[in-house]
N, C-alpha and C. Protein backbone atom coordinates (compact mmCIF):
# COMPACT_ATOMS: atom_id res chain seq x y z
N MET A 1 -1.67 -0.44 37.72
CA MET A 1 -2.82 -0.02 36.95
C MET A 1 -2.66 -0.55 35.53
N SER A 2 -3.69 -1.11 34.97
CA SER A 2 -3.60 -1.67 33.62
C SER A 2 -3.95 -0.60 32.58
N ARG A 3 -3.48 -0.85 31.38
CA ARG A 3 -3.77 0.08 30.29
C ARG A 3 -5.20 -0.14 29.80
N THR A 4 -5.84 0.94 29.41
CA THR A 4 -7.21 0.83 28.92
C THR A 4 -7.22 0.89 27.40
N LYS A 5 -8.30 0.43 26.81
CA LYS A 5 -8.42 0.41 25.36
C LYS A 5 -8.55 1.81 24.77
N CYS A 6 -9.03 2.76 25.52
CA CYS A 6 -9.24 4.09 24.98
C CYS A 6 -7.98 4.95 24.99
N GLN A 7 -6.85 4.37 25.38
CA GLN A 7 -5.60 5.12 25.41
C GLN A 7 -5.17 5.45 23.98
N ALA A 8 -4.55 6.59 23.80
CA ALA A 8 -4.15 7.05 22.47
C ALA A 8 -3.17 6.09 21.81
N GLN A 9 -3.34 5.94 20.51
CA GLN A 9 -2.45 5.07 19.75
C GLN A 9 -1.15 5.80 19.45
N ALA A 10 -0.05 5.06 19.45
CA ALA A 10 1.24 5.64 19.14
C ALA A 10 1.47 5.69 17.63
N ILE A 11 0.84 4.80 16.89
CA ILE A 11 1.05 4.70 15.45
C ILE A 11 -0.29 4.98 14.76
N PRO A 12 -0.31 5.96 13.84
CA PRO A 12 -1.57 6.29 13.18
C PRO A 12 -1.99 5.24 12.15
N THR A 13 -3.28 5.10 11.96
CA THR A 13 -3.79 4.20 10.93
C THR A 13 -3.76 4.93 9.59
N GLY A 14 -4.03 4.20 8.52
CA GLY A 14 -4.07 4.81 7.20
C GLY A 14 -5.11 5.91 7.11
N LYS A 15 -6.28 5.68 7.70
CA LYS A 15 -7.34 6.69 7.70
C LYS A 15 -6.90 7.95 8.42
N GLN A 16 -6.22 7.79 9.54
CA GLN A 16 -5.77 8.93 10.32
C GLN A 16 -4.72 9.74 9.55
N ILE A 17 -3.87 9.03 8.83
CA ILE A 17 -2.86 9.72 8.01
C ILE A 17 -3.55 10.51 6.90
N LYS A 18 -4.52 9.88 6.23
CA LYS A 18 -5.26 10.57 5.16
C LYS A 18 -5.95 11.82 5.69
N LYS A 19 -6.60 11.70 6.85
CA LYS A 19 -7.30 12.84 7.45
C LYS A 19 -6.31 13.95 7.79
N ALA A 20 -5.16 13.58 8.32
CA ALA A 20 -4.15 14.57 8.67
C ALA A 20 -3.65 15.30 7.43
N LEU A 21 -3.45 14.57 6.34
CA LEU A 21 -3.01 15.21 5.10
C LEU A 21 -4.05 16.21 4.62
N ILE A 22 -5.32 15.86 4.74
CA ILE A 22 -6.39 16.78 4.34
C ILE A 22 -6.41 17.99 5.26
N ASP A 23 -6.33 17.75 6.58
CA ASP A 23 -6.34 18.85 7.56
C ASP A 23 -5.21 19.83 7.31
N LEU A 24 -4.04 19.30 6.95
CA LEU A 24 -2.85 20.13 6.77
C LEU A 24 -2.67 20.62 5.35
N ASP A 25 -3.62 20.27 4.48
CA ASP A 25 -3.56 20.67 3.07
C ASP A 25 -2.26 20.19 2.41
N LEU A 26 -1.91 18.94 2.67
CA LEU A 26 -0.73 18.31 2.08
C LEU A 26 -1.17 17.19 1.15
N ARG A 27 -0.29 16.82 0.25
CA ARG A 27 -0.54 15.70 -0.65
C ARG A 27 0.39 14.55 -0.26
N PRO A 28 0.05 13.33 -0.63
CA PRO A 28 0.97 12.22 -0.38
C PRO A 28 2.35 12.47 -0.99
N PHE A 29 2.37 13.18 -2.12
CA PHE A 29 3.65 13.52 -2.75
C PHE A 29 4.52 14.34 -1.82
N ASP A 30 3.93 15.33 -1.14
CA ASP A 30 4.69 16.19 -0.22
C ASP A 30 5.28 15.37 0.93
N LEU A 31 4.47 14.48 1.47
CA LEU A 31 4.93 13.63 2.57
C LEU A 31 6.04 12.69 2.11
N ALA A 32 5.87 12.11 0.93
CA ALA A 32 6.87 11.20 0.38
C ALA A 32 8.19 11.92 0.15
N LYS A 33 8.12 13.12 -0.38
CA LYS A 33 9.32 13.91 -0.65
C LYS A 33 10.05 14.24 0.66
N ASP A 34 9.30 14.64 1.68
CA ASP A 34 9.89 14.98 2.98
C ASP A 34 10.56 13.78 3.64
N LEU A 35 9.99 12.59 3.44
CA LEU A 35 10.51 11.38 4.10
C LEU A 35 11.48 10.60 3.23
N GLY A 36 11.63 11.00 1.97
CA GLY A 36 12.58 10.33 1.09
C GLY A 36 12.12 8.96 0.62
N VAL A 37 10.83 8.80 0.44
CA VAL A 37 10.28 7.53 -0.06
C VAL A 37 9.40 7.82 -1.26
N SER A 38 8.91 6.78 -1.91
CA SER A 38 8.06 6.98 -3.08
C SER A 38 6.62 7.26 -2.67
N VAL A 39 5.90 7.91 -3.57
CA VAL A 39 4.49 8.20 -3.35
C VAL A 39 3.71 6.89 -3.27
N LEU A 40 4.10 5.93 -4.07
CA LEU A 40 3.43 4.63 -4.06
C LEU A 40 3.52 3.99 -2.67
N TYR A 41 4.68 4.08 -2.03
CA TYR A 41 4.86 3.52 -0.70
C TYR A 41 3.94 4.21 0.31
N ILE A 42 3.84 5.53 0.24
CA ILE A 42 2.95 6.28 1.14
C ILE A 42 1.50 5.85 0.89
N ARG A 43 1.12 5.72 -0.36
CA ARG A 43 -0.25 5.31 -0.67
C ARG A 43 -0.54 3.89 -0.21
N MET A 44 0.45 3.00 -0.29
CA MET A 44 0.26 1.64 0.20
C MET A 44 0.04 1.64 1.71
N ILE A 45 0.75 2.52 2.41
CA ILE A 45 0.59 2.63 3.86
C ILE A 45 -0.79 3.20 4.20
N THR A 46 -1.20 4.25 3.50
CA THR A 46 -2.50 4.86 3.82
C THR A 46 -3.67 3.97 3.42
N ASN A 47 -3.46 3.08 2.47
CA ASN A 47 -4.51 2.14 2.07
C ASN A 47 -4.42 0.82 2.82
N GLU A 48 -3.59 0.79 3.87
CA GLU A 48 -3.45 -0.38 4.75
C GLU A 48 -2.94 -1.63 4.02
N LYS A 49 -2.14 -1.45 2.98
CA LYS A 49 -1.57 -2.59 2.27
C LYS A 49 -0.16 -2.92 2.79
N ARG A 50 0.40 -2.03 3.58
CA ARG A 50 1.69 -2.23 4.23
C ARG A 50 1.57 -1.89 5.70
N ALA A 51 2.17 -2.72 6.54
CA ALA A 51 2.15 -2.43 7.98
C ALA A 51 3.12 -1.30 8.29
N ALA A 52 4.38 -1.45 7.94
CA ALA A 52 5.42 -0.41 8.02
C ALA A 52 5.37 0.41 9.31
N LYS A 53 5.50 -0.26 10.45
CA LYS A 53 5.40 0.43 11.75
C LYS A 53 6.42 1.55 11.88
N ASP A 54 7.66 1.29 11.48
CA ASP A 54 8.70 2.31 11.60
C ASP A 54 8.38 3.53 10.74
N MET A 55 7.90 3.30 9.53
CA MET A 55 7.56 4.42 8.65
C MET A 55 6.36 5.16 9.19
N ARG A 56 5.39 4.45 9.76
CA ARG A 56 4.22 5.13 10.35
C ARG A 56 4.65 6.03 11.50
N LYS A 57 5.64 5.60 12.27
CA LYS A 57 6.16 6.44 13.36
C LYS A 57 6.80 7.69 12.79
N LYS A 58 7.55 7.56 11.71
CA LYS A 58 8.17 8.72 11.07
C LYS A 58 7.10 9.66 10.51
N ILE A 59 6.08 9.07 9.91
CA ILE A 59 4.97 9.86 9.37
C ILE A 59 4.28 10.61 10.51
N ALA A 60 4.06 9.93 11.64
CA ALA A 60 3.40 10.56 12.79
C ALA A 60 4.22 11.75 13.29
N LYS A 61 5.54 11.59 13.38
CA LYS A 61 6.39 12.69 13.83
C LYS A 61 6.31 13.87 12.87
N ARG A 62 6.37 13.57 11.58
CA ARG A 62 6.34 14.62 10.56
C ARG A 62 5.01 15.37 10.58
N LEU A 63 3.91 14.62 10.66
CA LEU A 63 2.60 15.26 10.68
C LEU A 63 2.38 16.05 11.97
N ALA A 64 2.86 15.53 13.10
CA ALA A 64 2.74 16.25 14.37
C ALA A 64 3.50 17.57 14.29
N MET A 65 4.66 17.55 13.65
CA MET A 65 5.44 18.77 13.47
C MET A 65 4.66 19.79 12.64
N GLU A 66 3.98 19.32 11.60
CA GLU A 66 3.17 20.21 10.76
C GLU A 66 1.97 20.77 11.52
N TYR A 67 1.33 19.93 12.34
CA TYR A 67 0.22 20.41 13.17
C TYR A 67 0.70 21.55 14.07
N ARG A 68 1.84 21.34 14.73
CA ARG A 68 2.37 22.36 15.63
C ARG A 68 2.73 23.63 14.86
N ARG A 69 3.39 23.46 13.72
CA ARG A 69 3.83 24.60 12.92
C ARG A 69 2.66 25.46 12.46
N ASN A 70 1.54 24.81 12.16
CA ASN A 70 0.34 25.53 11.72
C ASN A 70 -0.53 26.00 12.88
N GLY A 71 -0.17 25.65 14.11
CA GLY A 71 -0.91 26.09 15.28
C GLY A 71 -2.19 25.31 15.54
N TYR A 72 -2.27 24.09 15.01
CA TYR A 72 -3.45 23.26 15.23
C TYR A 72 -3.25 22.39 16.46
N CYS A 73 -4.36 21.97 17.06
CA CYS A 73 -4.31 21.01 18.16
C CYS A 73 -3.90 19.66 17.61
N LEU A 74 -3.09 18.95 18.36
CA LEU A 74 -2.64 17.63 17.92
C LEU A 74 -3.75 16.60 18.09
N PRO A 75 -3.92 15.71 17.11
CA PRO A 75 -4.86 14.61 17.29
C PRO A 75 -4.33 13.64 18.35
N ALA A 76 -5.19 12.79 18.85
CA ALA A 76 -4.80 11.88 19.93
C ALA A 76 -3.62 10.99 19.55
N TRP A 77 -3.57 10.51 18.31
CA TRP A 77 -2.49 9.61 17.91
C TRP A 77 -1.14 10.33 17.83
N ALA A 78 -1.15 11.65 17.71
CA ALA A 78 0.11 12.40 17.57
C ALA A 78 0.67 12.85 18.91
N GLN A 79 -0.09 12.72 19.98
CA GLN A 79 0.39 13.15 21.27
C GLN A 79 1.32 12.11 21.85
N GLN A 80 2.37 12.59 22.51
CA GLN A 80 3.38 11.71 23.09
C GLN A 80 2.81 10.98 24.31
N ARG A 81 3.08 9.69 24.35
CA ARG A 81 2.72 8.91 25.54
C ARG A 81 3.95 8.73 26.39
N LYS A 82 3.75 8.71 27.69
CA LYS A 82 4.86 8.43 28.60
C LYS A 82 5.05 6.93 28.67
N GLU A 83 6.27 6.48 28.40
CA GLU A 83 6.58 5.06 28.49
C GLU A 83 6.76 4.68 29.96
N GLN A 84 6.18 3.55 30.33
CA GLN A 84 6.28 3.11 31.73
C GLN A 84 7.30 2.02 31.86
């Protein structure tokens, strides 16, 4: 069976990260502090000026943890996919 285009993304886009920060009432500063990077780096990622796949994965894990902690439903990009 082939993969379809509507399958959930493993790495969130900058827009998705911004929306998650708003949903969770967090600032880029809070995320940067938790991940040990600069606020400028987080803003570059959310504004799509850096690809940073590994950092986006870390951001996705951190935001998914916050969604769970607050009792919110996980967005599609934060849900775990089974690797085949």
